[in-house]
Amino acid sequence: MTPPRPGPVPRDGLRAVTLVARGDCLHLLRQRTVGRVAYTARALPVIRTVAYRVVDDDVVLQTRSDELADRLDGQVVAFTVDEDERGPELGWSVDVTGLAQRQAALPQQRAGDGRPQPAAVPEQDRQVQVRIVGGVITGRHDGDVPRPLPPRPAPSGARRTDREAC
């Protein structure tokens, strides 16, 4: 499937919608730390608020819940982050759809020789990570007057992909 091209698209309800380029989508994802993940449990849809970070262009959910990590592991999930601080007429959203894979996140400590090794972690401080891999990333800006996105750092040695839609 060919992703949509960035730029204005037909109105969505009463608002104009502009698609956001993939690089800008990743930049917007990096500006936040909390989003929502949607998945199914017993054939019913569930949406949970989760902490996350972006690692190597993948979204990595962070939780202390083994139950949530177990439910997400192996499922195709949807993840969204948005901003509508200026009211329903203006804002942006970024959506990621992909396969969730559970990863244990053990803090590292340095051995006497400087090599990393797993630390002893109290149960209440242990974190579990769920990485969304192979994700399709889409973004949109809502509103009649596009507002500028937050400044994005220039890519280091990578080919710029502003013309590619997310």
N, C-alpha and C. Protein backbone atom coordinates (compact mmCIF):
# COMPACT_ATOMS: atom_id res chain seq x y z
N MET A 1 0.84 -1.18 0.00
CA MET A 1 0.00 0.00 0.00
C MET A 1 0.88 1.24 0.00
N THR A 2 0.59 2.17 -0.89
CA THR A 2 1.36 3.41 -0.98
C THR A 2 0.83 4.39 0.07
N PRO A 3 1.71 4.93 0.91
CA PRO A 3 1.24 5.88 1.93
C PRO A 3 0.76 7.17 1.28
N PRO A 4 -0.17 7.87 1.94
CA PRO A 4 -0.64 9.14 1.39
C PRO A 4 0.48 10.15 1.34
N ARG A 5 0.40 11.10 0.42
CA ARG A 5 1.41 12.14 0.29
C ARG A 5 1.10 13.28 1.25
N PRO A 6 2.14 13.95 1.80
CA PRO A 6 1.89 15.09 2.68
C PRO A 6 1.18 16.20 1.92
N GLY A 7 0.48 17.01 2.65
CA GLY A 7 -0.18 18.16 2.06
C GLY A 7 -1.66 18.16 2.35
N PRO A 8 -2.38 19.20 1.87
CA PRO A 8 -3.80 19.31 2.15
C PRO A 8 -4.59 18.15 1.55
N VAL A 9 -5.60 17.72 2.26
CA VAL A 9 -6.52 16.69 1.80
C VAL A 9 -7.94 17.19 2.04
N PRO A 10 -8.94 16.52 1.52
CA PRO A 10 -10.32 16.99 1.72
C PRO A 10 -10.65 17.16 3.20
N ARG A 11 -11.65 17.94 3.45
CA ARG A 11 -12.08 18.21 4.81
C ARG A 11 -12.55 16.95 5.52
N ASP A 12 -12.25 16.87 6.81
CA ASP A 12 -12.69 15.78 7.67
C ASP A 12 -13.77 16.37 8.57
N GLY A 13 -15.02 16.17 8.22
CA GLY A 13 -16.09 16.84 8.96
C GLY A 13 -16.07 18.30 8.59
N LEU A 14 -15.84 19.16 9.57
CA LEU A 14 -15.82 20.60 9.34
C LEU A 14 -14.40 21.17 9.26
N ARG A 15 -13.38 20.33 9.47
CA ARG A 15 -12.02 20.83 9.53
C ARG A 15 -11.22 20.39 8.31
N ALA A 16 -10.32 21.24 7.88
CA ALA A 16 -9.38 20.85 6.83
C ALA A 16 -8.32 19.96 7.48
N VAL A 17 -7.78 19.01 6.73
CA VAL A 17 -6.78 18.10 7.25
C VAL A 17 -5.56 18.16 6.34
N THR A 18 -4.38 18.27 6.95
CA THR A 18 -3.12 18.24 6.21
C THR A 18 -2.32 17.05 6.70
N LEU A 19 -1.85 16.20 5.77
CA LEU A 19 -1.02 15.06 6.17
C LEU A 19 0.37 15.56 6.53
N VAL A 20 1.00 14.88 7.48
CA VAL A 20 2.32 15.25 7.98
C VAL A 20 3.34 14.23 7.50
N ALA A 21 4.50 14.68 7.05
CA ALA A 21 5.56 13.80 6.55
C ALA A 21 6.08 12.89 7.67
N ARG A 22 6.59 11.72 7.29
CA ARG A 22 7.07 10.72 8.25
C ARG A 22 8.11 11.28 9.22
N GLY A 23 9.08 12.02 8.71
CA GLY A 23 10.11 12.59 9.58
C GLY A 23 9.51 13.53 10.62
N ASP A 24 8.52 14.32 10.21
CA ASP A 24 7.85 15.21 11.15
C ASP A 24 7.01 14.41 12.15
N CYS A 25 6.42 13.30 11.70
CA CYS A 25 5.67 12.44 12.62
C CYS A 25 6.59 11.93 13.73
N LEU A 26 7.76 11.44 13.35
CA LEU A 26 8.71 10.93 14.34
C LEU A 26 9.16 12.04 15.28
N HIS A 27 9.36 13.23 14.73
CA HIS A 27 9.75 14.38 15.57
C HIS A 27 8.64 14.68 16.59
N LEU A 28 7.39 14.69 16.14
CA LEU A 28 6.27 14.95 17.05
C LEU A 28 6.18 13.86 18.11
N LEU A 29 6.37 12.60 17.73
CA LEU A 29 6.35 11.51 18.71
C LEU A 29 7.41 11.72 19.78
N ARG A 30 8.56 12.23 19.40
CA ARG A 30 9.66 12.43 20.36
C ARG A 30 9.38 13.60 21.31
N GLN A 31 8.40 14.43 21.00
CA GLN A 31 8.08 15.58 21.85
C GLN A 31 7.21 15.22 23.04
N ARG A 32 6.65 14.02 23.04
CA ARG A 32 5.73 13.60 24.10
C ARG A 32 6.27 12.36 24.81
N THR A 33 5.67 12.03 25.95
CA THR A 33 6.06 10.83 26.69
C THR A 33 4.87 9.97 27.08
N VAL A 34 3.65 10.43 26.78
CA VAL A 34 2.44 9.69 27.12
C VAL A 34 1.54 9.64 25.89
N GLY A 35 1.01 8.46 25.61
CA GLY A 35 0.09 8.28 24.49
C GLY A 35 -0.94 7.24 24.85
N ARG A 36 -1.68 6.76 23.86
CA ARG A 36 -2.71 5.75 24.08
C ARG A 36 -2.48 4.57 23.14
N VAL A 37 -2.59 3.37 23.69
CA VAL A 37 -2.47 2.16 22.88
C VAL A 37 -3.83 1.48 22.84
N ALA A 38 -4.20 1.01 21.65
CA ALA A 38 -5.46 0.29 21.46
C ALA A 38 -5.15 -1.14 21.06
N TYR A 39 -5.84 -2.07 21.69
CA TYR A 39 -5.65 -3.48 21.42
C TYR A 39 -6.97 -4.20 21.71
N THR A 40 -7.00 -5.50 21.49
CA THR A 40 -8.21 -6.25 21.80
C THR A 40 -7.95 -7.22 22.94
N ALA A 41 -8.96 -7.40 23.78
CA ALA A 41 -8.92 -8.37 24.87
C ALA A 41 -10.26 -9.10 24.86
N ARG A 42 -10.19 -10.39 24.63
CA ARG A 42 -11.41 -11.21 24.51
C ARG A 42 -12.36 -10.64 23.46
N ALA A 43 -11.78 -10.26 22.34
CA ALA A 43 -12.49 -9.74 21.17
C ALA A 43 -13.14 -8.37 21.39
N LEU A 44 -12.80 -7.69 22.48
CA LEU A 44 -13.34 -6.36 22.74
C LEU A 44 -12.21 -5.33 22.66
N PRO A 45 -12.49 -4.14 22.13
CA PRO A 45 -11.45 -3.11 22.06
C PRO A 45 -11.14 -2.52 23.43
N VAL A 46 -9.85 -2.25 23.66
CA VAL A 46 -9.38 -1.65 24.90
C VAL A 46 -8.42 -0.54 24.53
N ILE A 47 -8.51 0.60 25.21
CA ILE A 47 -7.58 1.71 25.01
C ILE A 47 -6.99 2.05 26.37
N ARG A 48 -5.65 2.08 26.45
CA ARG A 48 -4.97 2.38 27.70
C ARG A 48 -3.98 3.52 27.49
N THR A 49 -3.88 4.38 28.47
CA THR A 49 -2.87 5.43 28.47
C THR A 49 -1.56 4.81 28.94
N VAL A 50 -0.48 5.08 28.21
CA VAL A 50 0.82 4.47 28.53
C VAL A 50 1.95 5.47 28.35
N ALA A 51 3.02 5.26 29.10
CA ALA A 51 4.26 6.01 28.89
C ALA A 51 4.98 5.36 27.72
N TYR A 52 5.75 6.16 26.98
CA TYR A 52 6.49 5.61 25.84
C TYR A 52 7.70 6.47 25.55
N ARG A 53 8.54 5.94 24.67
CA ARG A 53 9.65 6.70 24.10
C ARG A 53 9.88 6.16 22.70
N VAL A 54 10.63 6.90 21.90
CA VAL A 54 10.94 6.47 20.54
C VAL A 54 12.39 5.99 20.53
N VAL A 55 12.60 4.75 20.05
CA VAL A 55 13.93 4.16 19.96
C VAL A 55 14.10 3.63 18.54
N ASP A 56 15.10 4.13 17.84
CA ASP A 56 15.37 3.68 16.47
C ASP A 56 14.11 3.75 15.60
N ASP A 57 13.35 4.79 15.70
CA ASP A 57 12.12 5.02 14.94
C ASP A 57 11.00 4.05 15.26
N ASP A 58 11.12 3.26 16.34
CA ASP A 58 10.03 2.43 16.84
C ASP A 58 9.49 3.06 18.11
N VAL A 59 8.20 2.88 18.36
CA VAL A 59 7.60 3.31 19.62
C VAL A 59 7.80 2.18 20.62
N VAL A 60 8.34 2.53 21.81
CA VAL A 60 8.55 1.55 22.86
C VAL A 60 7.70 1.98 24.06
N LEU A 61 6.69 1.16 24.36
CA LEU A 61 5.81 1.42 25.50
C LEU A 61 6.53 0.97 26.76
N GLN A 62 6.32 1.71 27.85
CA GLN A 62 6.96 1.38 29.12
C GLN A 62 5.88 1.18 30.16
N THR A 63 5.91 0.03 30.83
CA THR A 63 4.89 -0.28 31.82
C THR A 63 5.49 -1.12 32.94
N ARG A 64 4.85 -1.12 34.05
CA ARG A 64 5.23 -2.02 35.15
C ARG A 64 4.27 -3.21 35.19
N SER A 65 3.32 -3.23 34.28
CA SER A 65 2.28 -4.26 34.28
C SER A 65 2.66 -5.44 33.39
N ASP A 66 2.97 -6.56 34.02
CA ASP A 66 3.21 -7.78 33.25
C ASP A 66 1.95 -8.18 32.49
N GLU A 67 0.79 -7.95 33.10
CA GLU A 67 -0.47 -8.32 32.46
C GLU A 67 -0.65 -7.55 31.15
N LEU A 68 -0.42 -6.25 31.16
CA LEU A 68 -0.55 -5.46 29.93
C LEU A 68 0.47 -5.92 28.89
N ALA A 69 1.71 -6.10 29.30
CA ALA A 69 2.75 -6.54 28.36
C ALA A 69 2.39 -7.89 27.76
N ASP A 70 1.87 -8.81 28.57
CA ASP A 70 1.47 -10.12 28.06
C ASP A 70 0.31 -10.01 27.07
N ARG A 71 -0.65 -9.14 27.36
CA ARG A 71 -1.80 -8.97 26.45
C ARG A 71 -1.37 -8.38 25.11
N LEU A 72 -0.42 -7.45 25.13
CA LEU A 72 0.00 -6.79 23.90
C LEU A 72 0.93 -7.67 23.06
N ASP A 73 1.73 -8.50 23.71
CA ASP A 73 2.76 -9.28 23.02
C ASP A 73 2.16 -10.12 21.89
N GLY A 74 2.63 -9.89 20.67
CA GLY A 74 2.19 -10.65 19.50
C GLY A 74 0.94 -10.11 18.82
N GLN A 75 0.33 -9.06 19.36
CA GLN A 75 -0.87 -8.47 18.76
C GLN A 75 -0.49 -7.31 17.84
N VAL A 76 -1.31 -7.10 16.83
CA VAL A 76 -1.23 -5.85 16.07
C VAL A 76 -1.97 -4.82 16.90
N VAL A 77 -1.29 -3.71 17.19
CA VAL A 77 -1.86 -2.67 18.04
C VAL A 77 -1.85 -1.34 17.31
N ALA A 78 -2.63 -0.42 17.81
CA ALA A 78 -2.62 0.96 17.33
C ALA A 78 -2.20 1.84 18.50
N PHE A 79 -1.39 2.86 18.19
CA PHE A 79 -0.89 3.78 19.20
C PHE A 79 -1.10 5.19 18.67
N THR A 80 -1.52 6.11 19.53
CA THR A 80 -1.75 7.48 19.08
C THR A 80 -1.25 8.49 20.11
N VAL A 81 -0.77 9.60 19.58
CA VAL A 81 -0.37 10.77 20.38
C VAL A 81 -0.97 11.97 19.66
N ASP A 82 -1.46 12.93 20.42
CA ASP A 82 -2.04 14.10 19.76
C ASP A 82 -1.92 15.33 20.63
N GLU A 83 -2.26 16.45 20.01
CA GLU A 83 -2.31 17.72 20.72
C GLU A 83 -3.49 18.50 20.19
N ASP A 84 -4.39 18.85 21.08
CA ASP A 84 -5.54 19.68 20.74
C ASP A 84 -5.67 20.80 21.76
N GLU A 85 -4.54 21.33 22.19
CA GLU A 85 -4.54 22.33 23.26
C GLU A 85 -5.23 23.62 22.87
N ARG A 86 -5.31 23.88 21.57
CA ARG A 86 -5.89 25.15 21.14
C ARG A 86 -7.35 24.99 20.75
N GLY A 87 -7.98 23.91 21.20
CA GLY A 87 -9.39 23.70 20.91
C GLY A 87 -9.58 22.70 19.80
N PRO A 88 -10.82 22.36 19.50
CA PRO A 88 -11.10 21.32 18.51
C PRO A 88 -10.80 21.73 17.07
N GLU A 89 -10.57 23.03 16.81
CA GLU A 89 -10.34 23.47 15.44
C GLU A 89 -8.90 23.29 14.98
N LEU A 90 -7.96 23.23 15.91
CA LEU A 90 -6.54 23.11 15.55
C LEU A 90 -5.90 22.01 16.37
N GLY A 91 -4.91 21.37 15.79
CA GLY A 91 -4.18 20.34 16.52
C GLY A 91 -3.48 19.41 15.56
N TRP A 92 -2.83 18.40 16.11
CA TRP A 92 -2.17 17.39 15.29
C TRP A 92 -2.32 16.05 15.97
N SER A 93 -2.14 15.00 15.20
CA SER A 93 -2.13 13.66 15.75
C SER A 93 -1.17 12.79 14.94
N VAL A 94 -0.57 11.83 15.61
CA VAL A 94 0.30 10.85 14.98
C VAL A 94 -0.19 9.48 15.43
N ASP A 95 -0.38 8.57 14.47
CA ASP A 95 -0.84 7.21 14.76
C ASP A 95 0.21 6.21 14.26
N VAL A 96 0.42 5.17 15.05
CA VAL A 96 1.35 4.11 14.70
C VAL A 96 0.59 2.79 14.81
N THR A 97 0.67 1.97 13.77
CA THR A 97 0.07 0.65 13.80
C THR A 97 1.17 -0.36 13.51
N GLY A 98 1.28 -1.39 14.35
CA GLY A 98 2.32 -2.39 14.14
C GLY A 98 2.19 -3.55 15.11
N LEU A 99 3.15 -4.45 15.05
CA LEU A 99 3.16 -5.64 15.88
C LEU A 99 3.85 -5.33 17.21
N ALA A 100 3.19 -5.65 18.31
CA ALA A 100 3.76 -5.42 19.65
C ALA A 100 4.61 -6.62 20.06
N GLN A 101 5.82 -6.34 20.54
CA GLN A 101 6.72 -7.39 21.01
C GLN A 101 7.24 -7.02 22.39
N ARG A 102 6.99 -7.90 23.34
CA ARG A 102 7.43 -7.68 24.72
C ARG A 102 8.94 -7.79 24.82
N GLN A 103 9.54 -6.88 25.60
CA GLN A 103 10.98 -6.90 25.86
C GLN A 103 11.18 -6.57 27.32
N ALA A 104 11.93 -7.38 28.02
CA ALA A 104 12.22 -7.08 29.42
C ALA A 104 13.19 -5.90 29.46
N ALA A 105 12.94 -4.96 30.33
CA ALA A 105 13.80 -3.79 30.46
C ALA A 105 14.45 -3.83 31.83
N LEU A 106 15.61 -4.40 31.88
CA LEU A 106 16.33 -4.47 33.15
C LEU A 106 17.36 -3.37 33.22
N PRO A 107 17.38 -2.60 34.29
CA PRO A 107 18.42 -1.58 34.42
C PRO A 107 19.79 -2.24 34.42
N GLN A 108 20.76 -1.51 33.94
CA GLN A 108 22.12 -2.03 33.87
C GLN A 108 22.97 -1.35 34.94
N GLN A 109 23.86 -2.10 35.51
CA GLN A 109 24.86 -1.51 36.38
C GLN A 109 26.22 -1.98 35.87
N ARG A 110 27.26 -1.29 36.23
CA ARG A 110 28.60 -1.61 35.74
C ARG A 110 29.29 -2.55 36.72
N ALA A 111 29.88 -3.58 36.16
CA ALA A 111 30.71 -4.47 36.98
C ALA A 111 32.01 -3.74 37.27
N GLY A 112 32.82 -4.31 38.12
CA GLY A 112 34.10 -3.70 38.49
C GLY A 112 34.97 -3.41 37.28
N ASP A 113 34.86 -4.21 36.22
CA ASP A 113 35.68 -3.99 35.03
C ASP A 113 34.99 -3.11 33.99
N GLY A 114 33.82 -2.52 34.35
CA GLY A 114 33.13 -1.60 33.45
C GLY A 114 32.12 -2.24 32.52
N ARG A 115 32.05 -3.59 32.53
CA ARG A 115 31.08 -4.25 31.66
C ARG A 115 29.68 -4.11 32.25
N PRO A 116 28.64 -3.86 31.39
CA PRO A 116 27.28 -3.80 31.91
C PRO A 116 26.80 -5.17 32.36
N GLN A 117 26.01 -5.18 33.41
CA GLN A 117 25.40 -6.42 33.88
C GLN A 117 24.05 -6.08 34.49
N PRO A 118 23.10 -7.02 34.47
CA PRO A 118 21.79 -6.72 35.05
C PRO A 118 21.90 -6.38 36.53
N ALA A 119 21.13 -5.40 36.96
CA ALA A 119 21.12 -5.00 38.35
C ALA A 119 20.02 -5.76 39.09
N ALA A 120 20.19 -5.90 40.38
CA ALA A 120 19.11 -6.45 41.20
C ALA A 120 18.06 -5.35 41.33
N VAL A 121 16.84 -5.64 40.90
CA VAL A 121 15.80 -4.61 40.83
C VAL A 121 14.64 -5.00 41.71
N PRO A 122 14.24 -4.14 42.65
CA PRO A 122 13.04 -4.44 43.43
C PRO A 122 11.83 -4.56 42.49
N GLU A 123 10.92 -5.45 42.79
CA GLU A 123 9.76 -5.72 41.92
C GLU A 123 9.00 -4.43 41.58
N GLN A 124 8.82 -3.54 42.54
CA GLN A 124 8.04 -2.33 42.28
C GLN A 124 8.75 -1.36 41.32
N ASP A 125 10.06 -1.51 41.10
CA ASP A 125 10.80 -0.63 40.22
C ASP A 125 11.06 -1.23 38.84
N ARG A 126 10.71 -2.50 38.66
CA ARG A 126 10.99 -3.18 37.40
C ARG A 126 10.07 -2.64 36.31
N GLN A 127 10.62 -2.42 35.13
CA GLN A 127 9.84 -1.95 33.99
C GLN A 127 9.84 -3.01 32.91
N VAL A 128 8.75 -3.09 32.20
CA VAL A 128 8.64 -3.97 31.05
C VAL A 128 8.42 -3.08 29.84
N GLN A 129 9.08 -3.40 28.75
CA GLN A 129 8.93 -2.62 27.53
C GLN A 129 8.21 -3.45 26.49
N VAL A 130 7.39 -2.78 25.70
CA VAL A 130 6.72 -3.41 24.56
C VAL A 130 7.03 -2.53 23.36
N ARG A 131 7.73 -3.11 22.39
CA ARG A 131 8.13 -2.36 21.19
C ARG A 131 7.11 -2.61 20.08
N ILE A 132 6.70 -1.53 19.42
CA ILE A 132 5.82 -1.65 18.26
C ILE A 132 6.72 -1.64 17.04
N VAL A 133 6.82 -2.79 16.36
CA VAL A 133 7.74 -2.95 15.23
C VAL A 133 6.97 -3.03 13.92
N GLY A 134 7.67 -2.69 12.84
CA GLY A 134 7.05 -2.76 11.52
C GLY A 134 5.89 -1.81 11.40
N GLY A 135 5.95 -0.74 12.16
CA GLY A 135 4.81 0.16 12.25
C GLY A 135 4.59 1.04 11.04
N VAL A 136 3.32 1.24 10.74
CA VAL A 136 2.92 2.24 9.75
C VAL A 136 2.66 3.51 10.54
N ILE A 137 3.33 4.59 10.17
CA ILE A 137 3.21 5.86 10.91
C ILE A 137 2.47 6.85 10.03
N THR A 138 1.39 7.41 10.55
CA THR A 138 0.64 8.43 9.83
C THR A 138 0.45 9.62 10.75
N GLY A 139 0.40 10.79 10.15
CA GLY A 139 0.20 12.00 10.94
C GLY A 139 -0.66 12.98 10.19
N ARG A 140 -1.32 13.83 10.94
CA ARG A 140 -2.17 14.84 10.33
C ARG A 140 -2.23 16.08 11.19
N HIS A 141 -2.41 17.18 10.52
CA HIS A 141 -2.61 18.47 11.16
C HIS A 141 -4.04 18.86 10.85
N ASP A 142 -4.80 19.22 11.87
CA ASP A 142 -6.20 19.59 11.70
C ASP A 142 -6.34 21.09 11.78
N GLY A 143 -7.22 21.64 10.99
CA GLY A 143 -7.52 23.06 11.07
C GLY A 143 -7.41 23.73 9.72
N ASP A 144 -8.06 24.86 9.59
CA ASP A 144 -8.07 25.59 8.33
C ASP A 144 -6.75 26.28 8.06
N VAL A 145 -6.05 26.71 9.11
CA VAL A 145 -4.77 27.41 8.94
C VAL A 145 -3.68 26.54 9.54
N PRO A 146 -2.83 25.93 8.70
CA PRO A 146 -1.77 25.10 9.28
C PRO A 146 -0.88 25.91 10.17
N ARG A 147 -0.61 25.42 11.36
CA ARG A 147 0.33 26.09 12.24
C ARG A 147 1.66 25.37 12.14
N PRO A 148 2.74 26.06 12.37
CA PRO A 148 4.04 25.40 12.21
C PRO A 148 4.24 24.30 13.23
N LEU A 149 4.92 23.25 12.80
CA LEU A 149 5.30 22.18 13.71
C LEU A 149 6.48 22.65 14.54
N PRO A 150 6.71 22.02 15.71
CA PRO A 150 7.90 22.38 16.48
C PRO A 150 9.14 22.15 15.62
N PRO A 151 10.20 22.94 15.82
CA PRO A 151 11.40 22.76 15.00
C PRO A 151 11.96 21.35 15.14
N ARG A 152 12.42 20.82 14.03
CA ARG A 152 12.96 19.47 13.98
C ARG A 152 14.45 19.57 13.71
N PRO A 153 15.27 18.81 14.47
CA PRO A 153 16.71 18.86 14.21
C PRO A 153 17.01 18.24 12.86
N ALA A 154 18.04 18.76 12.20
CA ALA A 154 18.46 18.23 10.89
C ALA A 154 18.98 16.81 11.06
N PRO A 155 18.65 15.93 10.12
CA PRO A 155 19.15 14.56 10.23
C PRO A 155 20.67 14.52 10.11
N SER A 156 21.27 13.62 10.85
CA SER A 156 22.74 13.52 10.82
C SER A 156 23.15 12.46 9.81
N GLY A 157 23.55 12.91 8.63
CA GLY A 157 24.04 12.01 7.61
C GLY A 157 22.98 11.19 6.90
N ALA A 158 21.74 11.29 7.34
CA ALA A 158 20.67 10.52 6.72
C ALA A 158 20.00 11.34 5.63
N ARG A 159 19.48 10.66 4.63
CA ARG A 159 18.76 11.34 3.56
C ARG A 159 17.44 11.86 4.10
N ARG A 160 17.15 13.10 3.85
CA ARG A 160 15.93 13.71 4.33
C ARG A 160 14.74 13.12 3.60
N THR A 161 13.66 12.83 4.34
CA THR A 161 12.50 12.17 3.76
C THR A 161 11.25 13.02 3.87
N ASP A 162 11.39 14.35 3.79
CA ASP A 162 10.22 15.23 3.94
C ASP A 162 9.17 14.98 2.88
N ARG A 163 9.58 14.49 1.72
CA ARG A 163 8.59 14.28 0.67
C ARG A 163 7.85 12.98 0.81
N GLU A 164 8.34 12.12 1.69
CA GLU A 164 7.66 10.86 1.92
C GLU A 164 6.58 11.10 2.98
N ALA A 165 5.41 10.60 2.70
CA ALA A 165 4.34 10.71 3.68
C ALA A 165 4.53 9.64 4.74
N CYS A 166 3.97 9.91 5.90
CA CYS A 166 4.04 8.89 6.91
C CYS A 166 2.91 7.93 6.77
